Amino acid sequence: MKKIDSVLLDFLQPEDFFETILVVESVEYLQKLRERYPSAKIFAVVKDDEFIEKYSALNVEFKILDYCEEKLPFDEEFFDAIIGDLTLEVVINPQDIAAGFSRYLKETGVWITSFRNIRHWSVIEKLMKGQFGGIVSRLYAKIEFERLCYASFYKEVRMMPIVKKAPKNFIETLEKIGFENINNDLETEFWLIRAARSMPELALLKSMYTKKDRKKLSTLIHRIEYEIEVEENVKNFWQFYDEIGLFPDYAAAFIRSVVIHREKFYKLLKKFSNRNEIEEILFSAEEVDEMEPALVAGGVFR
């Protein structure tokens, strides 16, 4: 079957400051990754050692193994990014591999990959002609791959189409016999995927403080929310606020992410606080909180 063009790096974002990267088989990305992330630790998993000498100048650590059959020799939550084309095309259990990759990603990490679209006109044309030569490969529909990612512990999935135009009038023929062509799916030969372990707004929150600190902060906030020794826990909240160097914008965003009863929480926080920062947090909450503005700005919290 046709090899995909090496365009996965089009899915890199300006804010991606990767420190640890794993490349799965797709060694053609190594040179550009090293240029883009000169100080990053880059690892590559390949099935044989033929590429090691070729890329020796790039300071890449190679692991010789079959990622479809063997456990990766890395610590969990080690990588900022795992990158590789068609990583689920020849696997027996794709969800095991997808979920396995997620375990090696940091909470803020991303898996960037691609898949061949089973609904592309060229695949349908071959099936109509009785040609089944690619049956050993796994092809996916867009919605199927999305569901697989969400079932494998990814929280956000973005997709980018790689289009190969059909012969004249062929798409119209397929539509007439019942094939839907939503978002030009029938001419999308490959889909590029960027699957993130966290939603973008939460990824930033998770990147700024340790998991241990976030867990303690969440516990204090929930104790206030559910009125457990409120005055003492408000005092502990501000003590911890100073200890780890919190600031109003972060506090407001974190509160939004963990508190269900936000109106009650802010009332209790304000009642037992004597800190100037409470007003700054409330001001920040006007922009990040989903409550009616009157509840925050000039309303019950003021």
Protein backbone atom coordinates (compact mmCIF):
# COMPACT_ATOMS: atom_id res chain seq x y z
CA MET A 1 0.00 0.00 0.00
CA LYS A 2 1.02 3.59 -0.55
CA LYS A 3 3.45 5.06 2.01
CA ILE A 4 2.25 8.23 3.69
CA ASP A 5 4.17 11.46 3.13
CA SER A 6 6.16 12.60 6.17
CA VAL A 7 3.97 15.51 7.26
CA LEU A 8 3.17 14.70 10.90
CA LEU A 9 5.31 17.58 12.14
CA ASP A 10 2.73 19.95 10.63
CA PHE A 11 0.81 19.14 13.80
CA LEU A 12 3.44 20.67 16.07
CA GLN A 13 2.31 23.87 17.77
CA PRO A 14 4.35 27.02 18.56
CA GLU A 15 3.78 26.40 22.28
CA ASP A 16 5.19 22.85 22.12
CA PHE A 17 8.38 22.90 24.20
CA PHE A 18 9.13 19.20 24.24
CA GLU A 19 11.95 18.00 26.49
CA THR A 20 11.54 14.26 25.85
CA ILE A 21 10.38 12.79 22.53
CA LEU A 22 9.88 9.21 21.35
CA VAL A 23 9.85 8.49 17.62
CA VAL A 24 8.22 5.18 16.70
CA GLU A 25 9.73 3.74 13.50
CA SER A 26 9.38 7.02 11.56
CA VAL A 27 13.07 7.94 11.60
CA GLU A 28 12.60 10.43 8.76
CA TYR A 29 11.38 12.90 11.41
CA LEU A 30 14.57 12.78 13.49
CA GLN A 31 16.52 15.47 11.64
CA LYS A 32 13.72 18.05 11.78
CA LEU A 33 12.93 17.25 15.40
CA ARG A 34 16.55 17.76 16.40
CA GLU A 35 16.60 21.09 14.55
CA ARG A 36 13.41 22.22 16.25
CA TYR A 37 14.28 20.92 19.72
CA PRO A 38 18.09 21.10 19.96
CA SER A 39 18.22 20.39 23.71
CA ALA A 40 15.54 17.70 23.84
CA LYS A 41 16.19 14.07 24.72
CA ILE A 42 15.11 12.15 21.63
CA PHE A 43 14.58 8.39 21.58
CA ALA A 44 13.69 6.16 18.64
CA VAL A 45 12.16 2.69 18.63
CA VAL A 46 13.05 0.65 15.53
CA LYS A 47 12.98 -3.05 14.61
CA ASP A 48 16.63 -3.26 13.50
CA ASP A 49 19.85 -1.25 13.75
CA GLU A 50 20.17 -0.09 10.14
CA PHE A 51 19.42 3.55 10.99
CA ILE A 52 21.67 3.98 14.01
CA GLU A 53 24.81 4.95 12.12
CA LYS A 54 22.93 7.21 9.69
CA TYR A 55 21.51 9.33 12.52
CA SER A 56 24.42 9.05 14.95
CA ALA A 57 25.22 12.77 14.73
CA LEU A 58 21.76 13.72 16.00
CA ASN A 59 22.32 12.40 19.54
CA VAL A 60 19.33 10.05 19.38
CA GLU A 61 19.07 7.06 21.70
CA PHE A 62 17.85 4.04 19.74
CA LYS A 63 15.97 1.05 21.17
CA ILE A 64 15.85 -2.06 18.99
CA LEU A 65 12.51 -3.78 19.52
CA ASP A 66 9.09 -4.46 18.02
CA TYR A 67 6.75 -2.02 19.79
CA CYS A 68 3.76 -4.14 18.71
CA GLU A 69 5.06 -7.14 20.66
CA GLU A 70 7.39 -5.82 23.38
CA LYS A 71 6.95 -3.44 26.29
CA LEU A 72 8.73 -0.13 25.83
CA PRO A 73 11.77 0.20 28.15
CA PHE A 74 10.83 3.59 29.59
CA ASP A 75 9.31 4.94 32.78
CA GLU A 76 5.64 5.83 32.74
CA GLU A 77 4.80 9.52 32.17
CA PHE A 78 8.26 10.09 30.69
CA PHE A 79 7.58 11.64 27.27
CA ASP A 80 6.21 14.99 26.17
CA ALA A 81 5.46 13.54 22.73
CA ILE A 82 5.28 10.18 20.97
CA ILE A 83 5.47 10.57 17.20
CA GLY A 84 5.08 7.97 14.45
CA ASP A 85 3.11 7.44 11.26
CA LEU A 86 0.53 4.63 10.92
CA THR A 87 1.41 3.23 14.35
CA LEU A 88 -1.81 1.20 14.57
CA GLU A 89 -1.91 -0.15 11.02
CA VAL A 90 -0.36 -3.58 11.57
CA VAL A 91 -1.16 -4.26 15.23
CA ILE A 92 -3.33 -7.07 16.58
CA ASN A 93 -5.06 -5.04 19.30
CA PRO A 94 -4.93 -1.32 18.43
CA GLN A 95 -6.48 -0.13 21.68
CA ASP A 96 -3.79 -1.90 23.72
CA ILE A 97 -1.09 -0.04 21.79
CA ALA A 98 -2.89 3.33 21.93
CA ALA A 99 -3.52 3.00 25.67
CA GLY A 100 0.05 1.78 26.15
CA PHE A 101 1.43 4.92 24.52
CA SER A 102 -0.72 7.08 26.82
CA ARG A 103 0.91 5.54 29.89
CA TYR A 104 4.34 6.73 28.71
CA LEU A 105 3.12 10.29 28.14
CA LYS A 106 3.27 13.01 30.75
CA GLU A 107 -0.08 14.43 31.84
CA THR A 108 0.59 17.24 29.38
CA GLY A 109 1.89 14.91 26.65
CA VAL A 110 0.62 14.25 23.12
CA TRP A 111 0.60 11.29 20.72
CA ILE A 112 1.00 12.39 17.11
CA THR A 113 0.24 9.73 14.52
CA SER A 114 -1.78 9.00 11.38
CA PHE A 115 -4.04 6.38 9.87
CA ARG A 116 -5.20 5.32 6.44
CA ASN A 117 -8.86 6.19 5.81
CA ILE A 118 -10.91 3.11 4.98
CA ARG A 119 -13.53 5.36 3.36
CA HIS A 120 -11.14 6.88 0.82
CA TRP A 121 -12.38 6.49 -2.74
CA SER A 122 -9.29 4.45 -3.76
CA VAL A 123 -10.00 1.82 -1.08
CA ILE A 124 -13.67 1.61 -2.07
CA GLU A 125 -12.74 1.35 -5.75
CA LYS A 126 -10.47 -1.63 -5.08
CA LEU A 127 -13.15 -3.35 -3.03
CA MET A 128 -15.66 -2.80 -5.83
CA LYS A 129 -13.23 -4.53 -8.16
CA GLY A 130 -12.77 -7.43 -5.74
CA GLN A 131 -9.18 -6.48 -4.84
CA PHE A 132 -8.35 -7.24 -1.21
CA GLY A 133 -4.53 -6.95 -1.26
CA GLY A 134 -4.37 -4.69 1.80
CA ILE A 135 -6.36 -6.92 4.08
CA VAL A 136 -3.38 -7.51 6.43
CA SER A 137 -3.40 -3.79 7.30
CA ARG A 138 -5.84 -2.09 9.62
CA LEU A 139 -7.68 0.83 8.07
CA TYR A 140 -9.94 3.07 10.12
CA ALA A 141 -12.83 5.46 9.68
CA LYS A 142 -12.51 8.89 11.31
CA ILE A 143 -15.17 8.33 13.97
CA GLU A 144 -13.75 4.88 14.76
CA PHE A 145 -10.26 6.25 15.42
CA GLU A 146 -11.65 9.09 17.53
CA ARG A 147 -13.53 6.63 19.73
CA LEU A 148 -10.44 4.45 20.03
CA CYS A 149 -8.41 7.43 21.27
CA TYR A 150 -11.00 8.48 23.84
CA ALA A 151 -11.28 4.88 25.04
CA SER A 152 -7.48 4.85 25.46
CA PHE A 153 -7.39 7.70 28.00
CA TYR A 154 -6.82 10.66 25.67
CA LYS A 155 -8.89 13.72 26.52
CA GLU A 156 -8.66 15.72 23.29
CA VAL A 157 -8.27 14.51 19.70
CA ARG A 158 -7.54 16.78 16.76
CA MET A 159 -7.46 15.58 13.15
CA MET A 160 -6.04 16.99 9.92
CA PRO A 161 -6.97 15.54 6.50
CA ILE A 162 -4.50 14.60 3.78
CA VAL A 163 -6.49 14.70 0.55
CA LYS A 164 -6.08 12.77 -2.68
CA LYS A 165 -8.63 13.84 -5.27
CA ALA A 166 -10.84 11.27 -6.96
CA PRO A 167 -11.22 10.83 -10.74
CA LYS A 168 -13.85 13.07 -12.26
CA ASN A 169 -17.44 12.20 -11.25
CA PHE A 170 -16.38 9.23 -9.07
CA ILE A 171 -17.40 10.90 -5.80
CA GLU A 172 -20.81 11.71 -7.29
CA THR A 173 -21.18 8.04 -8.25
CA LEU A 174 -20.38 6.92 -4.69
CA GLU A 175 -22.83 9.42 -3.22
CA LYS A 176 -25.59 8.20 -5.54
CA ILE A 177 -25.19 4.64 -4.30
CA GLY A 178 -25.34 5.70 -0.66
CA PHE A 179 -21.88 6.81 0.52
CA GLU A 180 -21.96 9.92 2.70
CA ASN A 181 -19.19 12.45 2.09
CA ILE A 182 -19.24 14.61 5.20
CA ASN A 183 -16.28 17.02 5.28
CA ASN A 184 -14.96 15.50 2.06
CA ASP A 185 -14.17 12.23 3.84
CA LEU A 186 -14.26 10.21 0.60
CA GLU A 187 -11.25 12.16 -0.72
CA THR A 188 -9.29 12.11 2.56
CA GLU A 189 -6.64 9.45 2.02
CA PHE A 190 -4.97 9.81 5.43
CA TRP A 191 -5.88 11.49 8.69
CA LEU A 192 -3.19 13.04 10.88
CA ILE A 193 -3.93 12.73 14.61
CA ARG A 194 -2.87 14.76 17.64
CA ALA A 195 -4.22 13.05 20.76
CA ALA A 196 -3.58 14.79 24.09
CA ARG A 197 -3.72 13.31 27.57
CA SER A 198 -5.27 16.52 28.92
CA MET A 199 -7.60 19.20 27.61
CA PRO A 200 -5.60 22.30 26.59
CA GLU A 201 -6.80 24.47 29.47
CA LEU A 202 -5.99 21.73 31.99
CA ALA A 203 -2.64 20.90 30.39
CA LEU A 204 -1.40 24.38 31.30
CA LEU A 205 -2.59 23.96 34.89
CA LYS A 206 -0.82 20.61 35.14
CA SER A 207 2.42 21.93 33.68
CA MET A 208 3.00 24.61 36.31
CA TYR A 209 2.94 22.66 39.59
CA THR A 210 3.71 19.09 40.62
CA LYS A 211 1.06 16.38 40.84
CA LYS A 212 1.59 16.26 44.61
CA ASP A 213 0.98 20.01 44.95
CA ARG A 214 -2.11 19.89 42.73
CA LYS A 215 -3.53 16.99 44.74
CA LYS A 216 -3.09 18.85 48.03
CA LEU A 217 -4.57 22.03 46.56
CA SER A 218 -7.56 20.07 45.24
CA THR A 219 -8.11 18.47 48.65
CA LEU A 220 -8.10 21.84 50.45
CA ILE A 221 -10.49 23.33 47.90
CA HIS A 222 -12.91 20.40 48.14
CA ARG A 223 -12.90 20.62 51.94
CA ILE A 224 -13.95 24.25 51.68
CA GLU A 225 -16.56 23.47 49.03
CA TYR A 226 -18.18 20.75 51.17
CA GLU A 227 -17.95 22.80 54.37
CA ILE A 228 -15.48 20.60 56.24
CA GLU A 229 -13.83 22.71 58.99
CA VAL A 230 -14.16 25.65 56.61
CA GLU A 231 -12.36 28.33 58.60
CA GLU A 232 -9.36 26.07 59.27
CA ASN A 233 -9.17 24.91 55.65
CA VAL A 234 -9.41 28.45 54.28
CA LYS A 235 -6.45 29.29 56.53
CA ASN A 236 -4.61 26.20 55.21
CA PHE A 237 -5.49 27.20 51.63
CA TRP A 238 -3.80 30.59 52.00
CA GLN A 239 -0.82 29.07 53.78
CA PHE A 240 -0.35 26.62 50.90
CA TYR A 241 -1.00 29.45 48.41
CA ASP A 242 2.06 31.25 49.77
CA GLU A 243 4.11 28.08 50.18
CA ILE A 244 4.02 27.03 46.51
CA GLY A 245 3.77 30.53 45.03
CA LEU A 246 0.25 30.49 43.61
CA PHE A 247 -1.15 33.54 41.85
CA PRO A 248 -4.74 34.74 41.25
CA ASP A 249 -5.17 33.73 37.60
CA TYR A 250 -3.96 30.19 38.30
CA ALA A 251 -6.07 29.89 41.45
CA ALA A 252 -9.21 30.99 39.58
CA ALA A 253 -8.58 28.57 36.72
CA PHE A 254 -7.81 25.69 39.09
CA ILE A 255 -10.94 26.36 41.13
CA ARG A 256 -13.00 26.29 37.97
CA SER A 257 -11.51 22.92 37.01
CA VAL A 258 -12.25 21.14 40.31
CA VAL A 259 -15.18 22.87 42.04
CA ILE A 260 -18.77 21.95 41.21
CA HIS A 261 -20.60 24.35 43.54
CA ARG A 262 -18.58 27.43 42.66
CA GLU A 263 -21.03 30.02 44.01
CA LYS A 264 -21.02 28.41 47.45
CA PHE A 265 -17.25 27.93 47.37
CA TYR A 266 -16.50 31.59 46.62
CA LYS A 267 -18.91 32.72 49.32
CA LEU A 268 -17.12 30.59 51.92
CA LEU A 269 -13.65 31.59 50.72
CA LYS A 270 -14.55 35.27 50.90
CA LYS A 271 -16.25 34.94 54.31
CA PHE A 272 -13.18 33.50 56.04
CA SER A 273 -10.43 35.32 54.11
CA ASN A 274 -8.63 38.49 55.05
CA ARG A 275 -6.31 38.51 52.03
CA ASN A 276 -6.23 41.12 49.29
CA GLU A 277 -5.71 38.33 46.75
CA ILE A 278 -9.32 37.19 47.19
CA GLU A 279 -10.47 40.21 45.17
CA GLU A 280 -7.93 39.46 42.44
CA ILE A 281 -9.07 35.82 42.29
CA LEU A 282 -12.69 36.92 42.02
CA PHE A 283 -11.74 39.36 39.27
CA SER A 284 -9.96 36.55 37.38
CA ALA A 285 -13.00 34.33 37.93
CA GLU A 286 -15.09 36.80 35.94
CA GLU A 287 -13.17 35.74 32.84
CA VAL A 288 -12.58 32.03 33.43
CA ASP A 289 -15.64 30.92 35.38
CA GLU A 290 -18.81 29.69 33.65
CA MET A 291 -21.16 31.11 36.30
CA GLU A 292 -23.46 34.00 35.45
CA PRO A 293 -21.34 37.20 35.61
CA ALA A 294 -23.70 38.65 38.24
CA LEU A 295 -22.68 35.92 40.64
CA VAL A 296 -19.11 37.15 40.57
CA ALA A 297 -18.87 40.69 39.33
CA GLY A 298 -20.75 43.06 41.61
CA GLY A 299 -22.97 40.24 42.80
CA VAL A 300 -23.00 37.92 45.78
CA PHE A 301 -19.21 37.69 45.98
CA ARG A 302 -18.61 41.44 46.22
